[in-house]
Every structure is written in structure tokens, then in C-alpha cells.
Amino acid sequence: MSRALRLVLLLIVAGCAYLFLAHPYWFPAGASASSASIDHQFRVAFWIFGVLFIVGHLVLIFVLSKKPHVDSNVSHGSWRLEVTWTLAVTVIFFWFNVSGEHLWSSMMPAEKQAGEIEVAGEIEVEVTGAQFQWYFRYPGADGVFGRTDAGKFAKPDEGNPLGIDPSDPAGRDDILSTSLVVPVGHTVRLQLRAQDVIHSLFIPAMRFKQDTVPGMEIQSHFTPTRIGSYEIACAELCGMGHYRMRSVVRVLSEEDFAVWLKQHGSL
């Protein structure tokens, strides 16, 4: 067997392994309402491009294995085949773009306007990435976040890492946590911020990943569907202590979440 054929066969084996790794059992169990849609998008992409990869290399093996004829005519290709292939690839990528954009848009709600009425059952949480810790802030019983000024008031050693303005009464009942605690079955609306550098909130089980950017407030949301604890990581290299930016999402029943709020002074 020639060296080229061995290389192609090796690539085909790698392609088969690629399809095997696309099996849904290799993903962490989905724990959000959007998990099924996102997993479907991944599987379709893996299978389409994996099959094309293998078929393309089988064609390459066929071409390389043919014995050349001295008197054979030189092939100048086929414009029909090239146009067909180009159109097919264009359609595939266009479909992925449209379907991916639709899925992404469903995860990125419009920014909340001042005076907008709260959606019943929706949980609002402010997420702040800071070297090297995640902070999750909940509005208190008044339903309003207090003002923050990290440059002026942030004092982690004194229990105010976000810089909540002590003169603002709206912030006196805010709840600050280093883990994200939410009730199952409720939409969790996130306001994502960063104090220093770009961080990235990554919750694999929720199929959620969103950068937090200094100077920006990014809106996103997810709906947890399973009670349990799920890992949070920072998916952006944010400094020497990047490895420490780990936390958990604790998904509780409605009753347990009400108890948690009460214990933290919201009710």
C-alpha cells in the first residue's frame, strides 16, 4: 500500500472517530430548555461535515488507486460539477447560518427598558466577572438593583466587591452570592458585566456561554429544567488566576429557592 493511501486511510479512521465523538452521550446531560435545540444543531453539523469528510477521502483513494495511462487525455475538469458542488456548499452554510442565528436570537432577549413590567416568574440576576471570582447579585424585596461604582466603593475585604453605593437605599437589600442559585422551571434573566478584563460565563449543562465585557451590560437568559448543581467556568483566559474562576449553578425547587431568599434577607 502506497504512503499516500495509508495517509488517506488514517484520515478516514480519524473521520470515523470524529463521528463517534459526536454521539450525544459525549455531551454533559442537558439541564436547560434550550439544550435539545443546541444539541440538535451540533449533531447535524457533526454528521453532515463528518460524512462529507469521509466521502471526500474515499473519492481521493479511488483517484489515487487508479493506474495512470500513458496515452490518457489530460482532464480539464467539469464546470457543471464545480458549480453543483459550490452551490451545495453554499446552501449548507446558508442553512447553518440562518438556523444558528435563529437559535442565538432566542437566547439573547432585547434589553430591558426602564419601567418595563416584569415577566411573571422571571428571575433577574446580575452577573459580574472580576479577577478571579464570579459574583451573582439579586435585587431585594424592592425588585431594584442598587447603584454601583466599583472604582469608588468596591472593597472586597469589607464585603462590597461590586462597589454598591452605600447611600442608595435600593441596594441595601440586594443579595450577593458567589454561586448562581435559581428555581427550576423559571426563566433566569442575566445581566452580564465585567469589572476588569473580558471573562466568559460558561455553563456546559445549560449549553450557555457568554462573554462579559468591561463597560458593557449584556443581556441573556436560560431556563433550568433539572434540579441539581452544575459547573460554571470562565472560558476566557483572564489572567494568572484564571483557573480559580469556577463556581456552580444550584437549581432548586421553588420552595427551596424561597427558603434560600428568606435566609439571605430578601423576604
C-alpha atoms as a PDB file:
ATOM      1  CA  MET A   1       0.000   0.000   0.000  1.00  0.00           C
ATOM      2  CA  SER A   2       1.417   3.367  -1.007  1.00  0.00           C
ATOM      3  CA  ARG A   3       2.259   6.032   1.509  1.00  0.00           C
ATOM      4  CA  ALA A   4      -0.479   8.319   0.172  1.00  0.00           C
ATOM      5  CA  LEU A   5      -3.153   5.625   0.540  1.00  0.00           C
ATOM      6  CA  ARG A   6      -2.063   4.875   4.097  1.00  0.00           C
ATOM      7  CA  LEU A   7      -2.343   8.555   4.930  1.00  0.00           C
ATOM      8  CA  VAL A   8      -5.820   8.773   3.418  1.00  0.00           C
ATOM      9  CA  LEU A   9      -6.974   5.675   5.306  1.00  0.00           C
ATOM     10  CA  LEU A  10      -5.644   7.208   8.508  1.00  0.00           C
ATOM     11  CA  LEU A  11      -7.679  10.338   7.795  1.00  0.00           C
ATOM     12  CA  ILE A  12     -10.800   8.218   7.251  1.00  0.00           C
ATOM     13  CA  VAL A  13     -10.261   6.483  10.597  1.00  0.00           C
ATOM     14  CA  ALA A  14      -9.916   9.934  12.186  1.00  0.00           C
ATOM     15  CA  GLY A  15     -13.168  10.951  10.485  1.00  0.00           C
ATOM     16  CA  CYS A  16     -14.975   7.896  11.875  1.00  0.00           C
ATOM     17  CA  ALA A  17     -13.670   8.729  15.341  1.00  0.00           C
ATOM     18  CA  TYR A  18     -14.921  12.277  14.800  1.00  0.00           C
ATOM     19  CA  LEU A  19     -18.444  10.971  14.086  1.00  0.00           C
ATOM     20  CA  PHE A  20     -18.243   8.676  17.094  1.00  0.00           C
ATOM     21  CA  LEU A  21     -17.293  11.588  19.335  1.00  0.00           C
ATOM     22  CA  ALA A  22     -20.333  13.472  18.027  1.00  0.00           C
ATOM     23  CA  HIS A  23     -22.565  10.957  19.787  1.00  0.00           C
ATOM     24  CA  PRO A  24     -24.859  12.755  22.251  1.00  0.00           C
ATOM     25  CA  TYR A  25     -23.588  10.633  25.146  1.00  0.00           C
ATOM     26  CA  TRP A  26     -20.335  12.620  24.962  1.00  0.00           C
ATOM     27  CA  PHE A  27     -22.161  15.839  25.876  1.00  0.00           C
ATOM     28  CA  PRO A  28     -22.979  16.570  29.523  1.00  0.00           C
ATOM     29  CA  ALA A  29     -26.645  15.976  30.298  1.00  0.00           C
ATOM     30  CA  GLY A  30     -28.659  18.983  29.181  1.00  0.00           C
ATOM     31  CA  ALA A  31     -30.328  20.876  32.020  1.00  0.00           C
ATOM     32  CA  SER A  32     -31.966  23.822  30.266  1.00  0.00           C
ATOM     33  CA  ALA A  33     -34.927  24.356  27.960  1.00  0.00           C
ATOM     34  CA  SER A  34     -32.631  25.176  25.020  1.00  0.00           C
ATOM     35  CA  SER A  35     -30.357  22.139  25.448  1.00  0.00           C
ATOM     36  CA  ALA A  36     -32.224  19.918  22.985  1.00  0.00           C
ATOM     37  CA  SER A  37     -32.179  22.541  20.214  1.00  0.00           C
ATOM     38  CA  ILE A  38     -28.490  23.307  20.668  1.00  0.00           C
ATOM     39  CA  ASP A  39     -27.550  19.617  20.805  1.00  0.00           C
ATOM     40  CA  HIS A  40     -29.544  19.010  17.616  1.00  0.00           C
ATOM     41  CA  GLN A  41     -27.646  21.815  15.884  1.00  0.00           C
ATOM     42  CA  PHE A  42     -24.327  20.292  16.924  1.00  0.00           C
ATOM     43  CA  ARG A  43     -25.299  16.769  15.846  1.00  0.00           C
ATOM     44  CA  VAL A  44     -26.479  17.913  12.414  1.00  0.00           C
ATOM     45  CA  ALA A  45     -23.206  19.791  11.892  1.00  0.00           C
ATOM     46  CA  PHE A  46     -21.094  16.851  13.060  1.00  0.00           C
ATOM     47  CA  TRP A  47     -22.858  14.336  10.844  1.00  0.00           C
ATOM     48  CA  ILE A  48     -23.055  16.463   7.689  1.00  0.00           C
ATOM     49  CA  PHE A  49     -19.419  17.553   7.743  1.00  0.00           C
ATOM     50  CA  GLY A  50     -18.198  14.207   9.060  1.00  0.00           C
ATOM     51  CA  VAL A  51     -19.892  12.302   6.219  1.00  0.00           C
ATOM     52  CA  LEU A  52     -18.577  14.818   3.655  1.00  0.00           C
ATOM     53  CA  PHE A  53     -15.094  14.380   5.116  1.00  0.00           C
ATOM     54  CA  ILE A  54     -15.205  10.583   4.749  1.00  0.00           C
ATOM     55  CA  VAL A  55     -16.820  10.611   1.290  1.00  0.00           C
ATOM     56  CA  GLY A  56     -14.252  13.115   0.050  1.00  0.00           C
ATOM     57  CA  HIS A  57     -11.371  10.917   1.164  1.00  0.00           C
ATOM     58  CA  LEU A  58     -12.955   7.800  -0.328  1.00  0.00           C
ATOM     59  CA  VAL A  59     -13.045   9.635  -3.638  1.00  0.00           C
ATOM     60  CA  LEU A  60      -9.394  10.573  -3.098  1.00  0.00           C
ATOM     61  CA  ILE A  61      -8.494   6.906  -2.507  1.00  0.00           C
ATOM     62  CA  PHE A  62     -10.310   5.935  -5.704  1.00  0.00           C
ATOM     63  CA  VAL A  63      -8.405   8.539  -7.712  1.00  0.00           C
ATOM     64  CA  LEU A  64      -5.015   7.652  -6.214  1.00  0.00           C
ATOM     65  CA  SER A  65      -5.551   3.913  -6.715  1.00  0.00           C
ATOM     66  CA  LYS A  66      -6.234   4.214 -10.450  1.00  0.00           C
ATOM     67  CA  LYS A  67      -3.269   3.288 -12.607  1.00  0.00           C
ATOM     68  CA  PRO A  68      -2.294   6.153 -14.871  1.00  0.00           C
ATOM     69  CA  HIS A  69      -2.336   5.505 -18.617  1.00  0.00           C
ATOM     70  CA  VAL A  70       0.385   6.978 -20.728  1.00  0.00           C
ATOM     71  CA  ASP A  71      -1.972   7.722 -23.594  1.00  0.00           C
ATOM     72  CA  SER A  72      -4.820   9.057 -21.433  1.00  0.00           C
ATOM     73  CA  ASN A  73      -6.120  12.541 -22.096  1.00  0.00           C
ATOM     74  CA  VAL A  74      -5.466  15.237 -19.536  1.00  0.00           C
ATOM     75  CA  SER A  75      -8.659  16.103 -17.641  1.00  0.00           C
ATOM     76  CA  HIS A  76      -9.677  19.749 -17.692  1.00  0.00           C
ATOM     77  CA  GLY A  77     -12.356  19.260 -15.059  1.00  0.00           C
ATOM     78  CA  SER A  78     -16.108  19.781 -15.295  1.00  0.00           C
ATOM     79  CA  TRP A  79     -17.652  23.234 -14.798  1.00  0.00           C
ATOM     80  CA  ARG A  80     -21.026  21.589 -14.139  1.00  0.00           C
ATOM     81  CA  LEU A  81     -19.564  19.543 -11.285  1.00  0.00           C
ATOM     82  CA  GLU A  82     -17.801  22.581  -9.811  1.00  0.00           C
ATOM     83  CA  VAL A  83     -20.937  24.757  -9.990  1.00  0.00           C
ATOM     84  CA  THR A  84     -23.031  21.978  -8.407  1.00  0.00           C
ATOM     85  CA  TRP A  85     -20.506  21.480  -5.598  1.00  0.00           C
ATOM     86  CA  THR A  86     -20.205  25.219  -4.934  1.00  0.00           C
ATOM     87  CA  LEU A  87     -23.989  25.660  -4.802  1.00  0.00           C
ATOM     88  CA  ALA A  88     -24.370  22.652  -2.487  1.00  0.00           C
ATOM     89  CA  VAL A  89     -21.759  24.025  -0.041  1.00  0.00           C
ATOM     90  CA  THR A  90     -23.355  27.479  -0.215  1.00  0.00           C
ATOM     91  CA  VAL A  91     -26.779  26.065   0.637  1.00  0.00           C
ATOM     92  CA  ILE A  92     -25.371  24.069   3.573  1.00  0.00           C
ATOM     93  CA  PHE A  93     -23.569  27.055   5.071  1.00  0.00           C
ATOM     94  CA  PHE A  94     -26.521  29.364   4.448  1.00  0.00           C
ATOM     95  CA  TRP A  95     -28.835  26.938   6.269  1.00  0.00           C
ATOM     96  CA  PHE A  96     -26.442  26.713   9.220  1.00  0.00           C
ATOM     97  CA  ASN A  97     -26.201  30.494   9.371  1.00  0.00           C
ATOM     98  CA  VAL A  98     -29.982  31.019   9.348  1.00  0.00           C
ATOM     99  CA  SER A  99     -30.769  28.247  11.843  1.00  0.00           C
ATOM    100  CA  GLY A 100     -27.884  29.257  14.118  1.00  0.00           C
ATOM    101  CA  GLU A 101     -28.925  32.906  14.058  1.00  0.00           C
ATOM    102  CA  HIS A 102     -32.495  31.946  14.971  1.00  0.00           C
ATOM    103  CA  LEU A 103     -31.267  29.838  17.895  1.00  0.00           C
ATOM    104  CA  TRP A 104     -28.873  32.561  19.055  1.00  0.00           C
ATOM    105  CA  SER A 105     -31.585  35.227  18.873  1.00  0.00           C
ATOM    106  CA  SER A 106     -33.829  33.140  21.107  1.00  0.00           C
ATOM    107  CA  MET A 107     -31.099  33.222  23.780  1.00  0.00           C
ATOM    108  CA  MET A 108     -30.434  36.955  23.515  1.00  0.00           C
ATOM    109  CA  PRO A 109     -33.513  38.925  24.608  1.00  0.00           C
ATOM    110  CA  ALA A 110     -33.951  42.599  23.905  1.00  0.00           C
ATOM    111  CA  GLU A 111     -32.523  44.864  26.570  1.00  0.00           C
ATOM    112  CA  LYS A 112     -34.945  45.647  29.352  1.00  0.00           C
ATOM    113  CA  GLN A 113     -36.266  49.194  29.165  1.00  0.00           C
ATOM    114  CA  ALA A 114     -36.797  51.458  32.167  1.00  0.00           C
ATOM    115  CA  GLY A 115     -40.266  50.967  33.592  1.00  0.00           C
ATOM    116  CA  GLU A 116     -40.791  47.687  31.752  1.00  0.00           C
ATOM    117  CA  ILE A 117     -43.144  45.319  33.596  1.00  0.00           C
ATOM    118  CA  GLU A 118     -41.516  42.190  34.989  1.00  0.00           C
ATOM    119  CA  VAL A 119     -42.481  38.884  33.409  1.00  0.00           C
ATOM    120  CA  ALA A 120     -44.257  36.706  35.965  1.00  0.00           C
ATOM    121  CA  GLY A 121     -41.934  34.069  37.420  1.00  0.00           C
ATOM    122  CA  GLU A 122     -38.824  35.514  35.789  1.00  0.00           C
ATOM    123  CA  ILE A 123     -35.693  35.668  37.954  1.00  0.00           C
ATOM    124  CA  GLU A 124     -33.330  38.574  37.383  1.00  0.00           C
ATOM    125  CA  VAL A 125     -29.665  38.172  38.269  1.00  0.00           C
ATOM    126  CA  GLU A 126     -26.713  40.449  37.694  1.00  0.00           C
ATOM    127  CA  VAL A 127     -23.528  38.521  36.870  1.00  0.00           C
ATOM    128  CA  THR A 128     -20.144  40.181  37.356  1.00  0.00           C
ATOM    129  CA  GLY A 129     -16.799  38.710  36.403  1.00  0.00           C
ATOM    130  CA  ALA A 130     -13.828  40.038  38.379  1.00  0.00           C
ATOM    131  CA  GLN A 131     -10.311  38.712  38.681  1.00  0.00           C
ATOM    132  CA  PHE A 132     -10.708  35.998  39.863  1.00  0.00           C
ATOM    133  CA  GLN A 133     -14.261  35.414  41.090  1.00  0.00           C
ATOM    134  CA  TRP A 134     -17.832  35.294  39.819  1.00  0.00           C
ATOM    135  CA  TYR A 135     -20.402  37.397  41.696  1.00  0.00           C
ATOM    136  CA  PHE A 136     -24.171  36.998  41.359  1.00  0.00           C
ATOM    137  CA  ARG A 137     -26.424  39.798  42.636  1.00  0.00           C
ATOM    138  CA  TYR A 138     -30.185  39.598  43.167  1.00  0.00           C
ATOM    139  CA  PRO A 139     -32.471  42.595  43.716  1.00  0.00           C
ATOM    140  CA  GLY A 140     -34.015  42.632  47.175  1.00  0.00           C
ATOM    141  CA  ALA A 141     -37.666  42.831  48.118  1.00  0.00           C
ATOM    142  CA  ASP A 142     -37.990  46.156  46.265  1.00  0.00           C
ATOM    143  CA  GLY A 143     -37.066  44.423  42.986  1.00  0.00           C
ATOM    144  CA  VAL A 144     -34.493  47.126  42.145  1.00  0.00           C
ATOM    145  CA  PHE A 145     -30.706  46.830  41.962  1.00  0.00           C
ATOM    146  CA  GLY A 146     -28.733  49.406  43.892  1.00  0.00           C
ATOM    147  CA  ARG A 147     -26.286  51.704  42.122  1.00  0.00           C
ATOM    148  CA  THR A 148     -22.712  50.521  41.790  1.00  0.00           C
ATOM    149  CA  ASP A 149     -19.403  52.310  41.366  1.00  0.00           C
ATOM    150  CA  ALA A 150     -16.560  49.800  41.504  1.00  0.00           C
ATOM    151  CA  GLY A 151     -13.860  52.447  41.273  1.00  0.00           C
ATOM    152  CA  LYS A 152     -15.208  54.351  44.257  1.00  0.00           C
ATOM    153  CA  PHE A 153     -16.862  51.820  46.559  1.00  0.00           C
ATOM    154  CA  ALA A 154     -15.516  48.338  45.676  1.00  0.00           C
ATOM    155  CA  LYS A 155     -13.959  46.852  48.805  1.00  0.00           C
ATOM    156  CA  PRO A 156     -13.886  43.021  48.651  1.00  0.00           C
ATOM    157  CA  ASP A 157     -12.311  42.763  52.109  1.00  0.00           C
ATOM    158  CA  GLU A 158     -15.271  44.659  53.559  1.00  0.00           C
ATOM    159  CA  GLY A 159     -17.950  42.592  51.820  1.00  0.00           C
ATOM    160  CA  ASN A 160     -18.637  45.020  48.982  1.00  0.00           C
ATOM    161  CA  PRO A 161     -16.709  43.625  45.972  1.00  0.00           C
ATOM    162  CA  LEU A 162     -19.106  45.113  43.408  1.00  0.00           C
ATOM    163  CA  GLY A 163     -18.966  48.642  44.784  1.00  0.00           C
ATOM    164  CA  ILE A 164     -22.633  49.006  45.745  1.00  0.00           C
ATOM    165  CA  ASP A 165     -23.297  52.631  46.693  1.00  0.00           C
ATOM    166  CA  PRO A 166     -23.993  52.586  50.473  1.00  0.00           C
ATOM    167  CA  SER A 167     -26.053  55.783  50.160  1.00  0.00           C
ATOM    168  CA  ASP A 168     -28.518  54.197  47.731  1.00  0.00           C
ATOM    169  CA  PRO A 169     -31.448  52.638  49.666  1.00  0.00           C
ATOM    170  CA  ALA A 170     -32.276  50.383  46.698  1.00  0.00           C
ATOM    171  CA  GLY A 171     -29.031  48.488  47.248  1.00  0.00           C
ATOM    172  CA  ARG A 172     -29.360  47.821  50.966  1.00  0.00           C
ATOM    173  CA  ASP A 173     -31.452  44.684  50.472  1.00  0.00           C
ATOM    174  CA  ASP A 174     -29.564  43.335  47.448  1.00  0.00           C
ATOM    175  CA  ILE A 175     -28.350  39.749  47.776  1.00  0.00           C
ATOM    176  CA  LEU A 176     -24.776  38.913  46.774  1.00  0.00           C
ATOM    177  CA  SER A 177     -23.700  35.330  46.191  1.00  0.00           C
ATOM    178  CA  THR A 178     -20.662  33.556  44.762  1.00  0.00           C
ATOM    179  CA  SER A 179     -22.881  30.808  43.335  1.00  0.00           C
ATOM    180  CA  LEU A 180     -25.836  31.156  40.991  1.00  0.00           C
ATOM    181  CA  VAL A 181     -28.960  29.918  42.790  1.00  0.00           C
ATOM    182  CA  VAL A 182     -32.147  29.652  40.703  1.00  0.00           C
ATOM    183  CA  PRO A 183     -35.526  27.882  40.818  1.00  0.00           C
ATOM    184  CA  VAL A 184     -36.256  25.082  38.368  1.00  0.00           C
ATOM    185  CA  GLY A 185     -38.651  25.869  35.520  1.00  0.00           C
ATOM    186  CA  HIS A 186     -38.252  29.661  35.746  1.00  0.00           C
ATOM    187  CA  THR A 187     -36.589  31.849  33.141  1.00  0.00           C
ATOM    188  CA  VAL A 188     -33.368  33.322  34.530  1.00  0.00           C
ATOM    189  CA  ARG A 189     -32.616  36.713  33.001  1.00  0.00           C
ATOM    190  CA  LEU A 190     -28.929  37.592  33.266  1.00  0.00           C
ATOM    191  CA  GLN A 191     -27.253  40.987  33.145  1.00  0.00           C
ATOM    192  CA  LEU A 192     -23.601  40.213  32.438  1.00  0.00           C
ATOM    193  CA  ARG A 193     -20.798  42.629  33.356  1.00  0.00           C
ATOM    194  CA  ALA A 194     -17.041  42.618  33.945  1.00  0.00           C
ATOM    195  CA  GLN A 195     -15.018  44.780  36.317  1.00  0.00           C
ATOM    196  CA  ASP A 196     -11.565  44.488  34.794  1.00  0.00           C
ATOM    197  CA  VAL A 197     -10.931  42.271  31.745  1.00  0.00           C
ATOM    198  CA  ILE A 198     -13.057  40.099  29.454  1.00  0.00           C
ATOM    199  CA  HIS A 199     -14.406  36.984  31.164  1.00  0.00           C
ATOM    200  CA  SER A 200     -16.752  34.344  29.774  1.00  0.00           C
ATOM    201  CA  LEU A 201     -19.581  32.716  31.731  1.00  0.00           C
ATOM    202  CA  PHE A 202     -19.667  29.078  30.616  1.00  0.00           C
ATOM    203  CA  ILE A 203     -22.283  26.638  31.961  1.00  0.00           C
ATOM    204  CA  PRO A 204     -21.898  23.414  29.923  1.00  0.00           C
ATOM    205  CA  ALA A 205     -25.012  21.671  31.277  1.00  0.00           C
ATOM    206  CA  MET A 206     -27.142  24.694  30.359  1.00  0.00           C
ATOM    207  CA  ARG A 207     -25.453  24.946  26.937  1.00  0.00           C
ATOM    208  CA  PHE A 208     -24.740  28.542  27.883  1.00  0.00           C
ATOM    209  CA  LYS A 209     -21.651  30.608  27.089  1.00  0.00           C
ATOM    210  CA  GLN A 210     -21.449  34.388  27.001  1.00  0.00           C
ATOM    211  CA  ASP A 211     -18.561  36.822  27.340  1.00  0.00           C
ATOM    212  CA  THR A 212     -18.665  39.579  29.939  1.00  0.00           C
ATOM    213  CA  VAL A 213     -17.029  42.765  28.658  1.00  0.00           C
ATOM    214  CA  PRO A 214     -15.864  45.780  30.706  1.00  0.00           C
ATOM    215  CA  GLY A 215     -18.036  48.812  30.039  1.00  0.00           C
ATOM    216  CA  MET A 216     -20.893  46.752  28.581  1.00  0.00           C
ATOM    217  CA  GLU A 217     -24.029  45.184  30.021  1.00  0.00           C
ATOM    218  CA  ILE A 218     -25.047  42.122  28.025  1.00  0.00           C
ATOM    219  CA  GLN A 219     -28.500  40.586  28.386  1.00  0.00           C
ATOM    220  CA  SER A 220     -29.099  36.856  28.079  1.00  0.00           C
ATOM    221  CA  HIS A 221     -31.241  34.154  29.651  1.00  0.00           C
ATOM    222  CA  PHE A 222     -31.793  30.431  30.133  1.00  0.00           C
ATOM    223  CA  THR A 223     -34.456  28.248  31.753  1.00  0.00           C
ATOM    224  CA  PRO A 224     -33.194  25.410  34.017  1.00  0.00           C
ATOM    225  CA  THR A 225     -35.185  22.190  33.763  1.00  0.00           C
ATOM    226  CA  ARG A 226     -33.407  19.870  36.210  1.00  0.00           C
ATOM    227  CA  ILE A 227     -32.711  20.244  39.908  1.00  0.00           C
ATOM    228  CA  GLY A 228     -29.043  19.833  40.795  1.00  0.00           C
ATOM    229  CA  SER A 229     -25.637  21.512  40.881  1.00  0.00           C
ATOM    230  CA  TYR A 230     -23.829  22.343  37.648  1.00  0.00           C
ATOM    231  CA  GLU A 231     -20.342  23.647  36.993  1.00  0.00           C
ATOM    232  CA  ILE A 232     -19.602  27.233  35.981  1.00  0.00           C
ATOM    233  CA  ALA A 233     -16.261  28.012  34.385  1.00  0.00           C
ATOM    234  CA  CYS A 234     -14.603  31.034  32.817  1.00  0.00           C
ATOM    235  CA  ALA A 235     -13.982  30.268  29.146  1.00  0.00           C
ATOM    236  CA  GLU A 236     -11.757  33.311  28.549  1.00  0.00           C
ATOM    237  CA  LEU A 237      -8.114  33.427  29.629  1.00  0.00           C
ATOM    238  CA  CYS A 238      -8.319  36.336  32.062  1.00  0.00           C
ATOM    239  CA  GLY A 239      -5.003  36.318  33.926  1.00  0.00           C
ATOM    240  CA  MET A 240      -2.728  34.216  36.122  1.00  0.00           C
ATOM    241  CA  GLY A 241      -5.618  33.258  38.434  1.00  0.00           C
ATOM    242  CA  HIS A 242      -7.908  32.180  35.581  1.00  0.00           C
ATOM    243  CA  TYR A 243      -8.040  28.628  36.951  1.00  0.00           C
ATOM    244  CA  ARG A 244      -9.747  29.926  40.116  1.00  0.00           C
ATOM    245  CA  MET A 245     -12.779  31.356  38.290  1.00  0.00           C
ATOM    246  CA  ARG A 246     -15.050  28.418  38.980  1.00  0.00           C
ATOM    247  CA  SER A 247     -18.468  28.372  40.557  1.00  0.00           C
ATOM    248  CA  VAL A 248     -21.727  26.396  40.458  1.00  0.00           C
ATOM    249  CA  VAL A 249     -25.327  26.802  39.410  1.00  0.00           C
ATOM    250  CA  ARG A 250     -27.610  25.447  42.103  1.00  0.00           C
ATOM    251  CA  VAL A 251     -31.028  24.663  40.663  1.00  0.00           C
ATOM    252  CA  LEU A 252     -33.567  24.335  43.478  1.00  0.00           C
ATOM    253  CA  SER A 253     -37.265  23.637  43.745  1.00  0.00           C
ATOM    254  CA  GLU A 254     -39.487  26.710  44.101  1.00  0.00           C
ATOM    255  CA  GLU A 255     -39.951  26.002  47.814  1.00  0.00           C
ATOM    256  CA  ASP A 256     -36.215  25.631  48.461  1.00  0.00           C
ATOM    257  CA  PHE A 257     -35.466  28.765  46.457  1.00  0.00           C
ATOM    258  CA  ALA A 258     -37.981  30.742  48.551  1.00  0.00           C
ATOM    259  CA  VAL A 259     -36.238  29.470  51.684  1.00  0.00           C
ATOM    260  CA  TRP A 260     -32.853  30.486  50.269  1.00  0.00           C
ATOM    261  CA  LEU A 261     -34.133  34.004  49.549  1.00  0.00           C
ATOM    262  CA  LYS A 262     -35.580  34.265  53.035  1.00  0.00           C
ATOM    263  CA  GLN A 263     -32.333  33.154  54.630  1.00  0.00           C
ATOM    264  CA  HIS A 264     -30.498  35.841  52.680  1.00  0.00           C
ATOM    265  CA  GLY A 265     -32.866  38.583  53.721  1.00  0.00           C
ATOM    266  CA  SER A 266     -34.967  39.112  50.569  1.00  0.00           C
ATOM    267  CA  LEU A 267     -38.291  38.168  52.158  1.00  0.00           C
END
